[in-house]
Amino acid sequence: MKPIRFNFEHDYWSLAEAIVLQAVKDYERCTKKLLKGIGTDRDKWMMQECENFIVSKWVKRTFDIDTEELLTRIDEELYAEYGGNYEHLL
């Protein structure tokens, strides 16, 4: 039987990507609910937590991306789709 070999560097990279992707999905989900006017205080809290994580130094260093630009693009798409009802986010 052939031994199983792990590529830990690849595995950690894949895990990091999955974590950031989930944070982006959660951010989008909560923002959509808030823009639709059906969000709760928990959604506001979750949206802020995801935003704080996405713009964290860890994400910036790990992926070498402009995280503020990423959030701006996500917000622009969501605001365009849901009519830019910013008051639900306040």
C-alpha atoms as a PDB file:
ATOM      1  CA  MET A   1       0.000   0.000   0.000  1.00  0.00           C
ATOM      2  CA  LYS A   2       1.303   3.409  -0.987  1.00  0.00           C
ATOM      3  CA  PRO A   3       1.772   5.929   1.864  1.00  0.00           C
ATOM      4  CA  ILE A   4      -0.344   9.040   1.844  1.00  0.00           C
ATOM      5  CA  ARG A   5       1.683  12.187   1.315  1.00  0.00           C
ATOM      6  CA  PHE A   6       0.520  15.579   2.404  1.00  0.00           C
ATOM      7  CA  ASN A   7       1.553  18.892   0.992  1.00  0.00           C
ATOM      8  CA  PHE A   8       1.144  20.998   4.101  1.00  0.00           C
ATOM      9  CA  GLU A   9       1.980  24.276   2.385  1.00  0.00           C
ATOM     10  CA  HIS A  10      -0.744  23.681  -0.205  1.00  0.00           C
ATOM     11  CA  ASP A  11      -3.177  22.461   2.453  1.00  0.00           C
ATOM     12  CA  TYR A  12      -2.676  25.567   4.607  1.00  0.00           C
ATOM     13  CA  TRP A  13      -3.025  27.804   1.555  1.00  0.00           C
ATOM     14  CA  SER A  14      -6.284  26.078   0.601  1.00  0.00           C
ATOM     15  CA  LEU A  15      -7.584  26.469   4.142  1.00  0.00           C
ATOM     16  CA  ALA A  16      -6.695  30.178   4.168  1.00  0.00           C
ATOM     17  CA  GLU A  17      -8.486  30.685   0.844  1.00  0.00           C
ATOM     18  CA  ALA A  18     -11.574  28.874   2.125  1.00  0.00           C
ATOM     19  CA  ILE A  19     -11.683  30.969   5.297  1.00  0.00           C
ATOM     20  CA  VAL A  20     -11.494  34.262   3.392  1.00  0.00           C
ATOM     21  CA  LEU A  21     -14.023  33.086   0.810  1.00  0.00           C
ATOM     22  CA  GLN A  22     -16.481  32.185   3.582  1.00  0.00           C
ATOM     23  CA  ALA A  23     -16.008  35.604   5.191  1.00  0.00           C
ATOM     24  CA  VAL A  24     -16.795  37.260   1.843  1.00  0.00           C
ATOM     25  CA  LYS A  25     -19.897  35.094   1.399  1.00  0.00           C
ATOM     26  CA  ASP A  26     -21.080  35.891   4.928  1.00  0.00           C
ATOM     27  CA  TYR A  27     -20.447  39.605   4.351  1.00  0.00           C
ATOM     28  CA  GLU A  28     -22.493  39.510   1.134  1.00  0.00           C
ATOM     29  CA  ARG A  29     -25.320  37.545   2.754  1.00  0.00           C
ATOM     30  CA  CYS A  30     -25.641  39.921   5.702  1.00  0.00           C
ATOM     31  CA  THR A  31     -25.327  43.024   3.531  1.00  0.00           C
ATOM     32  CA  LYS A  32     -28.062  41.761   1.189  1.00  0.00           C
ATOM     33  CA  LYS A  33     -30.405  41.197   4.110  1.00  0.00           C
ATOM     34  CA  LEU A  34     -29.704  44.653   5.495  1.00  0.00           C
ATOM     35  CA  LEU A  35     -30.204  46.301   2.110  1.00  0.00           C
ATOM     36  CA  LYS A  36     -33.509  44.493   1.706  1.00  0.00           C
ATOM     37  CA  GLY A  37     -34.590  45.819   5.097  1.00  0.00           C
ATOM     38  CA  ILE A  38     -34.913  42.360   6.651  1.00  0.00           C
ATOM     39  CA  GLY A  39     -31.594  42.301   8.493  1.00  0.00           C
ATOM     40  CA  THR A  40     -31.278  42.024  12.241  1.00  0.00           C
ATOM     41  CA  ASP A  41     -28.817  43.438  14.748  1.00  0.00           C
ATOM     42  CA  ARG A  42     -26.982  40.127  14.477  1.00  0.00           C
ATOM     43  CA  ASP A  43     -26.640  40.648  10.706  1.00  0.00           C
ATOM     44  CA  LYS A  44     -25.186  44.134  11.327  1.00  0.00           C
ATOM     45  CA  TRP A  45     -22.751  42.652  13.827  1.00  0.00           C
ATOM     46  CA  MET A  46     -21.788  39.798  11.490  1.00  0.00           C
ATOM     47  CA  MET A  47     -21.324  42.161   8.544  1.00  0.00           C
ATOM     48  CA  GLN A  48     -18.969  44.330  10.623  1.00  0.00           C
ATOM     49  CA  GLU A  49     -17.037  41.310  11.907  1.00  0.00           C
ATOM     50  CA  CYS A  50     -16.573  40.005   8.362  1.00  0.00           C
ATOM     51  CA  GLU A  51     -15.513  43.433   7.142  1.00  0.00           C
ATOM     52  CA  ASN A  52     -12.965  43.740   9.970  1.00  0.00           C
ATOM     53  CA  PHE A  53     -11.558  40.310   9.112  1.00  0.00           C
ATOM     54  CA  ILE A  54     -11.434  40.938   5.364  1.00  0.00           C
ATOM     55  CA  VAL A  55      -9.464  44.178   5.806  1.00  0.00           C
ATOM     56  CA  SER A  56      -7.187  42.641   8.449  1.00  0.00           C
ATOM     57  CA  LYS A  57      -3.412  42.674   8.106  1.00  0.00           C
ATOM     58  CA  TRP A  58      -3.412  38.886   7.964  1.00  0.00           C
ATOM     59  CA  VAL A  59      -5.614  38.782   4.847  1.00  0.00           C
ATOM     60  CA  LYS A  60      -3.665  41.619   3.208  1.00  0.00           C
ATOM     61  CA  ARG A  61      -0.312  39.930   3.840  1.00  0.00           C
ATOM     62  CA  THR A  62      -1.426  36.423   3.014  1.00  0.00           C
ATOM     63  CA  PHE A  63      -3.035  37.259  -0.320  1.00  0.00           C
ATOM     64  CA  ASP A  64      -1.322  40.537  -1.236  1.00  0.00           C
ATOM     65  CA  ILE A  65      -4.592  42.159  -2.324  1.00  0.00           C
ATOM     66  CA  ASP A  66      -6.226  45.519  -1.792  1.00  0.00           C
ATOM     67  CA  THR A  67      -8.948  44.411   0.591  1.00  0.00           C
ATOM     68  CA  GLU A  68     -10.577  47.843   0.726  1.00  0.00           C
ATOM     69  CA  GLU A  69     -10.981  47.710  -3.061  1.00  0.00           C
ATOM     70  CA  LEU A  70     -12.470  44.215  -2.760  1.00  0.00           C
ATOM     71  CA  LEU A  71     -15.108  45.442  -0.292  1.00  0.00           C
ATOM     72  CA  THR A  72     -15.815  48.511  -2.420  1.00  0.00           C
ATOM     73  CA  ARG A  73     -16.505  46.322  -5.453  1.00  0.00           C
ATOM     74  CA  ILE A  74     -18.746  43.986  -3.467  1.00  0.00           C
ATOM     75  CA  ASP A  75     -20.664  46.946  -2.033  1.00  0.00           C
ATOM     76  CA  GLU A  76     -21.062  48.590  -5.441  1.00  0.00           C
ATOM     77  CA  GLU A  77     -22.538  45.396  -6.888  1.00  0.00           C
ATOM     78  CA  LEU A  78     -24.907  44.903  -3.969  1.00  0.00           C
ATOM     79  CA  TYR A  79     -26.022  48.545  -3.870  1.00  0.00           C
ATOM     80  CA  ALA A  80     -26.694  48.448  -7.626  1.00  0.00           C
ATOM     81  CA  GLU A  81     -28.702  45.219  -7.269  1.00  0.00           C
ATOM     82  CA  TYR A  82     -30.764  46.377  -4.294  1.00  0.00           C
ATOM     83  CA  GLY A  83     -31.251  50.023  -5.213  1.00  0.00           C
ATOM     84  CA  GLY A  84     -28.653  51.517  -2.906  1.00  0.00           C
ATOM     85  CA  ASN A  85     -30.836  51.542   0.206  1.00  0.00           C
ATOM     86  CA  TYR A  86     -28.009  52.642   2.485  1.00  0.00           C
ATOM     87  CA  GLU A  87     -30.279  53.513   5.411  1.00  0.00           C
ATOM     88  CA  HIS A  88     -30.670  49.819   6.267  1.00  0.00           C
ATOM     89  CA  LEU A  89     -26.945  49.613   6.959  1.00  0.00           C
ATOM     90  CA  LEU A  90     -26.867  52.400   9.517  1.00  0.00           C
END
